[in-house]
Amino acid sequence: MNKKVVYDNIFRIFIVLVSSTIYSLAVVWFLEPANLISTGLTGLGQILNRLFSSINVTIPIGVFILVTNIPLCIYGAKNVSLKFVAYTMLSVLVQSFWLMGWDWLKVDFGINPDDRFFLSFMGGLVSGFAIGLAMRYGTSTGGVDIVAQAMALKKNISIGVFSMIINIVLAIIAGGIMQGSWGVTLYTFVCIIVTNIVVDKIHTAYNYLRIDVISNDADLVADALVNGINRGCTITKVKGAYTKEEKYDLFMIISSYELSKAAEIIKETDPKAFMTVSPIKRIFGQFFKHTII
């Protein structure tokens, strides 16, 4: 294993630790005080925690997070990637620790628990940042994220849309049905909407881009890109209007998650190459989505 791979793994582990901690703190500091629920299996864990509390049985949210994520991690290992699931399990363990109900973790920011709009907005903003950060670098915060990644790979479904459907159902159960308060449900909707907007803004792994590379060494650049990213490309001959010099235009369709890697390959292969990037709305035909790791 070369140094670059080792450093990449260390960086991803760091991202997992940071994103999982931020996500957990969003639940502890903003959502729980307002009796709102989070997204995905964390929200389900909160619901189960409250159900057991109603019969005087205290089981920390972290326990439910750990138990409910195990079958989904098995599913993710088969439909996303083993490395993705390994990072996800680390995230689940970190969340489980932070959400064990530690009294020392609870901080009084002087925010009125009845100010549910502010708390729901902040909870959605912070947790959305954490989820998006994790996904942006090829990991996740577990739960619904695992299924969402698999659906995005197989069915071309937006991760934000898929997660929102699941979370709306949980919000209705937690607020309207369990607590008899549709106000809680509506404020939870605010949190869900903010979360998903932030996630889709940060996590762009499955948006499409076209890169055009003007180079004198198109074959060399093409070979490097095909081997490095594993995507096809097309080369056409072009002519500079000012210099009248003949060059080649290499164009390739990639996901925006692959852009930084493509730019690095091009720079290393031909430092004099000129590259442009254009968004692609839709693709018809054979464009394979790679697993994120």
C-alpha atoms as a PDB file:
ATOM      1  CA  MET A   1       0.000   0.000   0.000  1.00  0.00           C
ATOM      2  CA  ASN A   2       1.573   3.296  -1.124  1.00  0.00           C
ATOM      3  CA  LYS A   3       1.715   6.466   0.931  1.00  0.00           C
ATOM      4  CA  LYS A   4      -1.014   8.177  -1.085  1.00  0.00           C
ATOM      5  CA  VAL A   5      -3.519   5.403  -0.262  1.00  0.00           C
ATOM      6  CA  VAL A   6      -2.513   5.470   3.414  1.00  0.00           C
ATOM      7  CA  TYR A   7      -2.933   9.246   3.621  1.00  0.00           C
ATOM      8  CA  ASP A   8      -6.280   8.995   1.827  1.00  0.00           C
ATOM      9  CA  ASN A   9      -7.537   6.413   4.325  1.00  0.00           C
ATOM     10  CA  ILE A  10      -6.322   8.499   7.274  1.00  0.00           C
ATOM     11  CA  PHE A  11      -8.075  11.565   5.853  1.00  0.00           C
ATOM     12  CA  ARG A  12     -11.345   9.661   5.391  1.00  0.00           C
ATOM     13  CA  ILE A  13     -11.170   8.330   8.946  1.00  0.00           C
ATOM     14  CA  PHE A  14     -10.683  11.916  10.137  1.00  0.00           C
ATOM     15  CA  ILE A  15     -13.743  12.995   8.103  1.00  0.00           C
ATOM     16  CA  VAL A  16     -15.774  10.167   9.662  1.00  0.00           C
ATOM     17  CA  LEU A  17     -14.809  11.163  13.182  1.00  0.00           C
ATOM     18  CA  VAL A  18     -15.521  14.863  12.588  1.00  0.00           C
ATOM     19  CA  SER A  19     -18.804  14.440  10.663  1.00  0.00           C
ATOM     20  CA  SER A  20     -20.168  11.840  13.097  1.00  0.00           C
ATOM     21  CA  THR A  21     -19.357  14.037  16.079  1.00  0.00           C
ATOM     22  CA  ILE A  22     -20.932  17.119  14.497  1.00  0.00           C
ATOM     23  CA  TYR A  23     -24.046  15.149  13.583  1.00  0.00           C
ATOM     24  CA  SER A  24     -24.392  13.776  17.113  1.00  0.00           C
ATOM     25  CA  LEU A  25     -23.952  17.211  18.664  1.00  0.00           C
ATOM     26  CA  ALA A  26     -26.694  18.582  16.395  1.00  0.00           C
ATOM     27  CA  VAL A  27     -29.055  16.015  17.906  1.00  0.00           C
ATOM     28  CA  VAL A  28     -27.977  16.584  21.510  1.00  0.00           C
ATOM     29  CA  TRP A  29     -27.753  20.384  21.414  1.00  0.00           C
ATOM     30  CA  PHE A  30     -30.610  21.395  19.098  1.00  0.00           C
ATOM     31  CA  LEU A  31     -33.127  18.625  18.440  1.00  0.00           C
ATOM     32  CA  GLU A  32     -33.504  16.761  21.719  1.00  0.00           C
ATOM     33  CA  PRO A  33     -34.078  19.933  23.815  1.00  0.00           C
ATOM     34  CA  ALA A  34     -36.974  20.866  21.507  1.00  0.00           C
ATOM     35  CA  ASN A  35     -38.315  17.289  21.493  1.00  0.00           C
ATOM     36  CA  LEU A  36     -37.761  17.129  17.726  1.00  0.00           C
ATOM     37  CA  ILE A  37     -36.387  14.131  15.885  1.00  0.00           C
ATOM     38  CA  SER A  38     -33.415  13.870  13.589  1.00  0.00           C
ATOM     39  CA  THR A  39     -33.227  12.223  10.194  1.00  0.00           C
ATOM     40  CA  GLY A  40     -32.909   8.533   9.320  1.00  0.00           C
ATOM     41  CA  LEU A  41     -32.178   5.846  11.867  1.00  0.00           C
ATOM     42  CA  THR A  42     -31.130   8.418  14.446  1.00  0.00           C
ATOM     43  CA  GLY A  43     -34.697   9.700  14.316  1.00  0.00           C
ATOM     44  CA  LEU A  44     -35.950   6.126  14.597  1.00  0.00           C
ATOM     45  CA  GLY A  45     -33.650   5.661  17.592  1.00  0.00           C
ATOM     46  CA  GLN A  46     -35.172   8.743  19.218  1.00  0.00           C
ATOM     47  CA  ILE A  47     -38.673   7.369  18.613  1.00  0.00           C
ATOM     48  CA  LEU A  48     -37.785   3.994  20.149  1.00  0.00           C
ATOM     49  CA  ASN A  49     -36.075   5.732  23.069  1.00  0.00           C
ATOM     50  CA  ARG A  50     -39.274   7.644  23.825  1.00  0.00           C
ATOM     51  CA  LEU A  51     -41.455   4.554  23.443  1.00  0.00           C
ATOM     52  CA  PHE A  52     -39.400   2.645  26.004  1.00  0.00           C
ATOM     53  CA  SER A  53     -39.248   5.695  28.289  1.00  0.00           C
ATOM     54  CA  SER A  54     -43.065   5.752  28.328  1.00  0.00           C
ATOM     55  CA  ILE A  55     -42.977   2.346  30.067  1.00  0.00           C
ATOM     56  CA  ASN A  56     -40.152   3.441  32.398  1.00  0.00           C
ATOM     57  CA  VAL A  57     -37.412   1.601  30.509  1.00  0.00           C
ATOM     58  CA  THR A  58     -34.426   3.783  29.671  1.00  0.00           C
ATOM     59  CA  ILE A  59     -32.395   2.669  26.662  1.00  0.00           C
ATOM     60  CA  PRO A  60     -30.020   5.278  25.203  1.00  0.00           C
ATOM     61  CA  ILE A  61     -30.509   6.432  21.627  1.00  0.00           C
ATOM     62  CA  GLY A  62     -26.986   5.238  20.863  1.00  0.00           C
ATOM     63  CA  VAL A  63     -27.960   1.614  21.502  1.00  0.00           C
ATOM     64  CA  PHE A  64     -30.793   1.772  18.970  1.00  0.00           C
ATOM     65  CA  ILE A  65     -28.513   3.427  16.423  1.00  0.00           C
ATOM     66  CA  LEU A  66     -26.002   0.600  16.733  1.00  0.00           C
ATOM     67  CA  VAL A  67     -28.583  -2.203  16.530  1.00  0.00           C
ATOM     68  CA  THR A  68     -30.629  -0.810  13.613  1.00  0.00           C
ATOM     69  CA  ASN A  69     -27.578   0.016  11.497  1.00  0.00           C
ATOM     70  CA  ILE A  70     -26.169  -3.526  11.467  1.00  0.00           C
ATOM     71  CA  PRO A  71     -28.585  -4.992   8.842  1.00  0.00           C
ATOM     72  CA  LEU A  72     -28.268  -1.875   6.667  1.00  0.00           C
ATOM     73  CA  CYS A  73     -24.489  -2.126   6.746  1.00  0.00           C
ATOM     74  CA  ILE A  74     -24.789  -5.705   5.486  1.00  0.00           C
ATOM     75  CA  TYR A  75     -27.010  -4.417   2.684  1.00  0.00           C
ATOM     76  CA  GLY A  76     -24.535  -1.650   1.901  1.00  0.00           C
ATOM     77  CA  ALA A  77     -21.649  -4.120   1.699  1.00  0.00           C
ATOM     78  CA  LYS A  78     -23.474  -5.895  -1.121  1.00  0.00           C
ATOM     79  CA  ASN A  79     -24.788  -2.850  -2.990  1.00  0.00           C
ATOM     80  CA  VAL A  80     -22.290  -0.005  -2.433  1.00  0.00           C
ATOM     81  CA  SER A  81     -18.810  -1.119  -1.349  1.00  0.00           C
ATOM     82  CA  LEU A  82     -17.057  -2.830   1.535  1.00  0.00           C
ATOM     83  CA  LYS A  83     -14.833   0.157   2.240  1.00  0.00           C
ATOM     84  CA  PHE A  84     -17.858   2.458   2.308  1.00  0.00           C
ATOM     85  CA  VAL A  85     -19.509   0.211   4.895  1.00  0.00           C
ATOM     86  CA  ALA A  86     -16.308   0.016   6.962  1.00  0.00           C
ATOM     87  CA  TYR A  87     -16.233   3.810   7.241  1.00  0.00           C
ATOM     88  CA  THR A  88     -19.965   3.825   7.941  1.00  0.00           C
ATOM     89  CA  MET A  89     -19.603   1.359  10.803  1.00  0.00           C
ATOM     90  CA  LEU A  90     -16.933   3.583  12.327  1.00  0.00           C
ATOM     91  CA  SER A  91     -19.383   6.475  12.057  1.00  0.00           C
ATOM     92  CA  VAL A  92     -22.114   4.422  13.716  1.00  0.00           C
ATOM     93  CA  LEU A  93     -19.820   3.539  16.613  1.00  0.00           C
ATOM     94  CA  VAL A  94     -18.888   7.197  17.097  1.00  0.00           C
ATOM     95  CA  GLN A  95     -22.540   8.274  17.046  1.00  0.00           C
ATOM     96  CA  SER A  96     -23.506   5.490  19.420  1.00  0.00           C
ATOM     97  CA  PHE A  97     -20.924   6.756  21.894  1.00  0.00           C
ATOM     98  CA  TRP A  98     -21.998  10.408  21.731  1.00  0.00           C
ATOM     99  CA  LEU A  99     -25.705   9.529  21.974  1.00  0.00           C
ATOM    100  CA  MET A 100     -25.488   7.400  25.099  1.00  0.00           C
ATOM    101  CA  GLY A 101     -27.151  10.179  27.090  1.00  0.00           C
ATOM    102  CA  TRP A 102     -24.049  11.646  28.734  1.00  0.00           C
ATOM    103  CA  ASP A 103     -25.026  14.529  31.022  1.00  0.00           C
ATOM    104  CA  TRP A 104     -21.642  16.227  30.545  1.00  0.00           C
ATOM    105  CA  LEU A 105     -22.325  16.535  26.797  1.00  0.00           C
ATOM    106  CA  LYS A 106     -25.432  18.649  27.310  1.00  0.00           C
ATOM    107  CA  VAL A 107     -24.645  22.358  27.018  1.00  0.00           C
ATOM    108  CA  ASP A 108     -27.006  25.164  27.941  1.00  0.00           C
ATOM    109  CA  PHE A 109     -26.735  27.795  25.206  1.00  0.00           C
ATOM    110  CA  GLY A 110     -29.474  29.886  26.773  1.00  0.00           C
ATOM    111  CA  ILE A 111     -31.896  28.952  23.985  1.00  0.00           C
ATOM    112  CA  ASN A 112     -35.536  28.571  24.995  1.00  0.00           C
ATOM    113  CA  PRO A 113     -36.645  24.966  24.233  1.00  0.00           C
ATOM    114  CA  ASP A 114     -39.956  26.405  23.052  1.00  0.00           C
ATOM    115  CA  ASP A 115     -38.167  28.263  20.252  1.00  0.00           C
ATOM    116  CA  ARG A 116     -38.590  25.230  18.049  1.00  0.00           C
ATOM    117  CA  PHE A 117     -38.235  27.006  14.729  1.00  0.00           C
ATOM    118  CA  PHE A 118     -34.732  28.228  15.558  1.00  0.00           C
ATOM    119  CA  LEU A 119     -33.721  24.883  17.043  1.00  0.00           C
ATOM    120  CA  SER A 120     -35.129  22.937  14.092  1.00  0.00           C
ATOM    121  CA  PHE A 121     -33.345  25.233  11.618  1.00  0.00           C
ATOM    122  CA  MET A 122     -30.031  24.966  13.446  1.00  0.00           C
ATOM    123  CA  GLY A 123     -30.423  21.228  13.885  1.00  0.00           C
ATOM    124  CA  GLY A 124     -31.074  20.794  10.160  1.00  0.00           C
ATOM    125  CA  LEU A 125     -28.220  23.100   9.190  1.00  0.00           C
ATOM    126  CA  VAL A 126     -25.621  21.394  11.375  1.00  0.00           C
ATOM    127  CA  SER A 127     -26.741  17.802  10.751  1.00  0.00           C
ATOM    128  CA  GLY A 128     -27.063  18.477   7.015  1.00  0.00           C
ATOM    129  CA  PHE A 129     -23.515  19.800   6.959  1.00  0.00           C
ATOM    130  CA  ALA A 130     -22.295  16.675   8.759  1.00  0.00           C
ATOM    131  CA  ILE A 131     -24.130  14.266   6.439  1.00  0.00           C
ATOM    132  CA  GLY A 132     -23.075  16.148   3.308  1.00  0.00           C
ATOM    133  CA  LEU A 133     -19.459  16.322   4.473  1.00  0.00           C
ATOM    134  CA  ALA A 134     -19.393  12.573   5.105  1.00  0.00           C
ATOM    135  CA  MET A 135     -20.921  11.727   1.735  1.00  0.00           C
ATOM    136  CA  ARG A 136     -18.755  14.224  -0.125  1.00  0.00           C
ATOM    137  CA  TYR A 137     -15.662  12.291   0.881  1.00  0.00           C
ATOM    138  CA  GLY A 138     -17.040   8.812   0.284  1.00  0.00           C
ATOM    139  CA  THR A 139     -18.371   7.946   3.729  1.00  0.00           C
ATOM    140  CA  SER A 140     -21.733   8.292   5.437  1.00  0.00           C
ATOM    141  CA  THR A 141     -23.375   8.785   8.804  1.00  0.00           C
ATOM    142  CA  GLY A 142     -25.115   5.436   8.444  1.00  0.00           C
ATOM    143  CA  GLY A 143     -28.760   4.459   8.372  1.00  0.00           C
ATOM    144  CA  VAL A 144     -30.816   5.762   5.479  1.00  0.00           C
ATOM    145  CA  ASP A 145     -27.643   7.171   3.901  1.00  0.00           C
ATOM    146  CA  ILE A 146     -26.577   3.623   3.038  1.00  0.00           C
ATOM    147  CA  VAL A 147     -29.831   2.855   1.240  1.00  0.00           C
ATOM    148  CA  ALA A 148     -29.806   6.297  -0.393  1.00  0.00           C
ATOM    149  CA  GLN A 149     -26.326   5.704  -1.815  1.00  0.00           C
ATOM    150  CA  ALA A 150     -27.397   2.349  -3.226  1.00  0.00           C
ATOM    151  CA  MET A 151     -30.537   3.862  -4.774  1.00  0.00           C
ATOM    152  CA  ALA A 152     -28.538   6.728  -6.276  1.00  0.00           C
ATOM    153  CA  LEU A 153     -26.153   4.231  -7.864  1.00  0.00           C
ATOM    154  CA  LYS A 154     -28.845   1.868  -9.177  1.00  0.00           C
ATOM    155  CA  LYS A 155     -31.953   3.956  -9.816  1.00  0.00           C
ATOM    156  CA  ASN A 156     -30.573   7.481 -10.388  1.00  0.00           C
ATOM    157  CA  ILE A 157     -32.700   8.770  -7.499  1.00  0.00           C
ATOM    158  CA  SER A 158     -31.623  11.940  -5.724  1.00  0.00           C
ATOM    159  CA  ILE A 159     -30.215  11.158  -2.301  1.00  0.00           C
ATOM    160  CA  GLY A 160     -32.000  14.209  -0.901  1.00  0.00           C
ATOM    161  CA  VAL A 161     -35.394  13.165  -2.314  1.00  0.00           C
ATOM    162  CA  PHE A 162     -35.100   9.565  -1.120  1.00  0.00           C
ATOM    163  CA  SER A 163     -34.045  10.591   2.388  1.00  0.00           C
ATOM    164  CA  MET A 164     -36.786  13.209   2.612  1.00  0.00           C
ATOM    165  CA  ILE A 165     -39.530  10.649   1.950  1.00  0.00           C
ATOM    166  CA  ILE A 166     -38.285   8.370   4.733  1.00  0.00           C
ATOM    167  CA  ASN A 167     -37.814  11.259   7.139  1.00  0.00           C
ATOM    168  CA  ILE A 168     -41.279  12.708   6.532  1.00  0.00           C
ATOM    169  CA  VAL A 169     -42.809   9.373   7.531  1.00  0.00           C
ATOM    170  CA  LEU A 170     -40.725   9.338  10.728  1.00  0.00           C
ATOM    171  CA  ALA A 171     -41.736  12.933  11.520  1.00  0.00           C
ATOM    172  CA  ILE A 172     -45.426  12.086  11.204  1.00  0.00           C
ATOM    173  CA  ILE A 173     -45.008   9.092  13.497  1.00  0.00           C
ATOM    174  CA  ALA A 174     -42.945  10.975  16.108  1.00  0.00           C
ATOM    175  CA  GLY A 175     -44.991  14.164  16.207  1.00  0.00           C
ATOM    176  CA  GLY A 176     -48.536  13.650  15.038  1.00  0.00           C
ATOM    177  CA  ILE A 177     -49.059  10.058  16.140  1.00  0.00           C
ATOM    178  CA  MET A 178     -46.874   9.560  19.221  1.00  0.00           C
ATOM    179  CA  GLN A 179     -47.018  13.046  20.757  1.00  0.00           C
ATOM    180  CA  GLY A 180     -50.331  14.155  19.301  1.00  0.00           C
ATOM    181  CA  SER A 181     -48.646  17.400  18.242  1.00  0.00           C
ATOM    182  CA  TRP A 182     -48.680  18.271  14.567  1.00  0.00           C
ATOM    183  CA  GLY A 183     -46.711  21.363  15.511  1.00  0.00           C
ATOM    184  CA  VAL A 184     -43.786  19.113  16.411  1.00  0.00           C
ATOM    185  CA  THR A 185     -44.209  17.378  13.061  1.00  0.00           C
ATOM    186  CA  LEU A 186     -44.147  20.678  11.166  1.00  0.00           C
ATOM    187  CA  TYR A 187     -41.027  21.883  12.957  1.00  0.00           C
ATOM    188  CA  THR A 188     -39.418  18.524  12.252  1.00  0.00           C
ATOM    189  CA  PHE A 189     -40.297  19.095   8.584  1.00  0.00           C
ATOM    190  CA  VAL A 190     -38.332  22.353   8.760  1.00  0.00           C
ATOM    191  CA  CYS A 191     -35.341  20.425  10.067  1.00  0.00           C
ATOM    192  CA  ILE A 192     -35.707  17.766   7.362  1.00  0.00           C
ATOM    193  CA  ILE A 193     -35.984  20.309   4.540  1.00  0.00           C
ATOM    194  CA  VAL A 194     -32.952  22.277   5.713  1.00  0.00           C
ATOM    195  CA  THR A 195     -30.972  19.060   6.190  1.00  0.00           C
ATOM    196  CA  ASN A 196     -31.691  17.784   2.689  1.00  0.00           C
ATOM    197  CA  ILE A 197     -30.989  21.132   1.027  1.00  0.00           C
ATOM    198  CA  VAL A 198     -27.593  21.300   2.714  1.00  0.00           C
ATOM    199  CA  VAL A 199     -26.818  17.645   1.889  1.00  0.00           C
ATOM    200  CA  ASP A 200     -27.621  18.102  -1.807  1.00  0.00           C
ATOM    201  CA  LYS A 201     -25.546  21.300  -1.939  1.00  0.00           C
ATOM    202  CA  ILE A 202     -22.476  19.710  -0.369  1.00  0.00           C
ATOM    203  CA  HIS A 203     -22.728  16.190  -1.743  1.00  0.00           C
ATOM    204  CA  THR A 204     -22.501  16.277  -5.543  1.00  0.00           C
ATOM    205  CA  ALA A 205     -21.225  12.799  -6.338  1.00  0.00           C
ATOM    206  CA  TYR A 206     -23.900  12.044  -8.909  1.00  0.00           C
ATOM    207  CA  ASN A 207     -24.189  15.313 -10.824  1.00  0.00           C
ATOM    208  CA  TYR A 208     -22.760  15.061 -14.312  1.00  0.00           C
ATOM    209  CA  LEU A 209     -20.053  17.180 -15.899  1.00  0.00           C
ATOM    210  CA  ARG A 210     -18.367  17.346 -19.285  1.00  0.00           C
ATOM    211  CA  ILE A 211     -14.678  18.147 -19.324  1.00  0.00           C
ATOM    212  CA  ASP A 212     -12.914  19.357 -22.475  1.00  0.00           C
ATOM    213  CA  VAL A 213      -9.144  19.171 -22.549  1.00  0.00           C
ATOM    214  CA  ILE A 214      -7.198  20.968 -25.287  1.00  0.00           C
ATOM    215  CA  SER A 215      -3.790  19.337 -25.583  1.00  0.00           C
ATOM    216  CA  ASN A 216      -1.024  18.386 -27.980  1.00  0.00           C
ATOM    217  CA  ASP A 217      -0.676  15.068 -26.149  1.00  0.00           C
ATOM    218  CA  ALA A 218      -4.292  13.951 -26.278  1.00  0.00           C
ATOM    219  CA  ASP A 219      -3.511  10.241 -26.510  1.00  0.00           C
ATOM    220  CA  LEU A 220      -1.306  10.403 -23.433  1.00  0.00           C
ATOM    221  CA  VAL A 221      -3.909  12.379 -21.485  1.00  0.00           C
ATOM    222  CA  ALA A 222      -6.696  10.056 -22.659  1.00  0.00           C
ATOM    223  CA  ASP A 223      -4.823   6.941 -21.528  1.00  0.00           C
ATOM    224  CA  ALA A 224      -4.144   8.505 -18.124  1.00  0.00           C
ATOM    225  CA  LEU A 225      -7.792   9.490 -17.669  1.00  0.00           C
ATOM    226  CA  VAL A 226      -9.174   6.146 -18.821  1.00  0.00           C
ATOM    227  CA  ASN A 227      -6.842   4.267 -16.489  1.00  0.00           C
ATOM    228  CA  GLY A 228      -7.306   6.691 -13.590  1.00  0.00           C
ATOM    229  CA  ILE A 229     -11.074   7.211 -13.716  1.00  0.00           C
ATOM    230  CA  ASN A 230     -12.201   4.238 -15.790  1.00  0.00           C
ATOM    231  CA  ARG A 231     -14.394   6.193 -18.191  1.00  0.00           C
ATOM    232  CA  GLY A 232     -14.436   6.463 -21.957  1.00  0.00           C
ATOM    233  CA  CYS A 233     -13.572   9.643 -23.819  1.00  0.00           C
ATOM    234  CA  THR A 234     -13.548  11.066 -27.345  1.00  0.00           C
ATOM    235  CA  ILE A 235     -10.763  12.895 -29.187  1.00  0.00           C
ATOM    236  CA  THR A 236     -11.338  15.370 -32.010  1.00  0.00           C
ATOM    237  CA  LYS A 237      -8.883  17.499 -33.967  1.00  0.00           C
ATOM    238  CA  VAL A 238      -9.225  21.277 -33.448  1.00  0.00           C
ATOM    239  CA  LYS A 239      -7.429  24.376 -34.654  1.00  0.00           C
ATOM    240  CA  GLY A 240      -6.580  27.525 -32.711  1.00  0.00           C
ATOM    241  CA  ALA A 241      -8.154  30.625 -34.267  1.00  0.00           C
ATOM    242  CA  TYR A 242      -5.279  32.885 -33.218  1.00  0.00           C
ATOM    243  CA  THR A 243      -2.225  30.648 -33.533  1.00  0.00           C
ATOM    244  CA  LYS A 244      -3.633  28.478 -36.364  1.00  0.00           C
ATOM    245  CA  GLU A 245      -1.976  25.606 -34.507  1.00  0.00           C
ATOM    246  CA  GLU A 246      -3.635  22.205 -34.711  1.00  0.00           C
ATOM    247  CA  LYS A 247      -4.342  20.513 -31.393  1.00  0.00           C
ATOM    248  CA  TYR A 248      -6.751  17.956 -30.011  1.00  0.00           C
ATOM    249  CA  ASP A 249      -9.908  18.301 -27.936  1.00  0.00           C
ATOM    250  CA  LEU A 250     -10.491  15.410 -25.573  1.00  0.00           C
ATOM    251  CA  PHE A 251     -13.914  15.348 -23.930  1.00  0.00           C
ATOM    252  CA  MET A 252     -15.245  13.041 -21.234  1.00  0.00           C
ATOM    253  CA  ILE A 253     -18.417  12.800 -19.144  1.00  0.00           C
ATOM    254  CA  ILE A 254     -17.773  12.315 -15.422  1.00  0.00           C
ATOM    255  CA  SER A 255     -19.549  12.731 -12.113  1.00  0.00           C
ATOM    256  CA  SER A 256     -18.564  15.891 -10.292  1.00  0.00           C
ATOM    257  CA  TYR A 257     -17.196  13.693  -7.512  1.00  0.00           C
ATOM    258  CA  GLU A 258     -14.479  12.686 -10.019  1.00  0.00           C
ATOM    259  CA  LEU A 259     -13.589  16.228 -11.102  1.00  0.00           C
ATOM    260  CA  SER A 260     -10.733  16.863  -8.685  1.00  0.00           C
ATOM    261  CA  LYS A 261      -9.149  13.529  -9.575  1.00  0.00           C
ATOM    262  CA  ALA A 262      -9.484  14.229 -13.311  1.00  0.00           C
ATOM    263  CA  ALA A 263      -7.920  17.679 -12.933  1.00  0.00           C
ATOM    264  CA  GLU A 264      -5.007  16.193 -10.999  1.00  0.00           C
ATOM    265  CA  ILE A 265      -4.410  13.534 -13.674  1.00  0.00           C
ATOM    266  CA  ILE A 266      -4.495  16.117 -16.478  1.00  0.00           C
ATOM    267  CA  LYS A 267      -2.105  18.440 -14.674  1.00  0.00           C
ATOM    268  CA  GLU A 268       0.377  15.634 -14.041  1.00  0.00           C
ATOM    269  CA  THR A 269       0.159  14.308 -17.607  1.00  0.00           C
ATOM    270  CA  ASP A 270       0.192  17.578 -19.536  1.00  0.00           C
ATOM    271  CA  PRO A 271       0.812  20.733 -17.454  1.00  0.00           C
ATOM    272  CA  LYS A 272       0.182  22.871 -20.562  1.00  0.00           C
ATOM    273  CA  ALA A 273      -3.278  21.443 -21.220  1.00  0.00           C
ATOM    274  CA  PHE A 274      -6.304  23.770 -21.215  1.00  0.00           C
ATOM    275  CA  MET A 275      -9.398  22.364 -19.506  1.00  0.00           C
ATOM    276  CA  THR A 276     -12.997  23.565 -19.335  1.00  0.00           C
ATOM    277  CA  VAL A 277     -15.872  22.122 -17.306  1.00  0.00           C
ATOM    278  CA  SER A 278     -19.563  22.218 -18.275  1.00  0.00           C
ATOM    279  CA  PRO A 279     -22.626  20.894 -16.414  1.00  0.00           C
ATOM    280  CA  ILE A 280     -24.668  18.107 -18.002  1.00  0.00           C
ATOM    281  CA  LYS A 281     -28.400  17.996 -17.246  1.00  0.00           C
ATOM    282  CA  ARG A 282     -29.221  14.459 -18.369  1.00  0.00           C
ATOM    283  CA  ILE A 283     -27.516  11.458 -19.907  1.00  0.00           C
ATOM    284  CA  PHE A 284     -29.054   8.803 -22.144  1.00  0.00           C
ATOM    285  CA  GLY A 285     -27.143   5.644 -22.924  1.00  0.00           C
ATOM    286  CA  GLN A 286     -24.491   3.723 -21.075  1.00  0.00           C
ATOM    287  CA  PHE A 287     -22.993   5.807 -18.312  1.00  0.00           C
ATOM    288  CA  PHE A 288     -22.018   3.650 -15.367  1.00  0.00           C
ATOM    289  CA  LYS A 289     -22.029   5.033 -11.851  1.00  0.00           C
ATOM    290  CA  HIS A 290     -19.029   3.832  -9.948  1.00  0.00           C
ATOM    291  CA  THR A 291     -19.151   3.021  -6.280  1.00  0.00           C
ATOM    292  CA  ILE A 292     -18.006   6.058  -4.336  1.00  0.00           C
ATOM    293  CA  ILE A 293     -14.906   4.368  -2.925  1.00  0.00           C
END
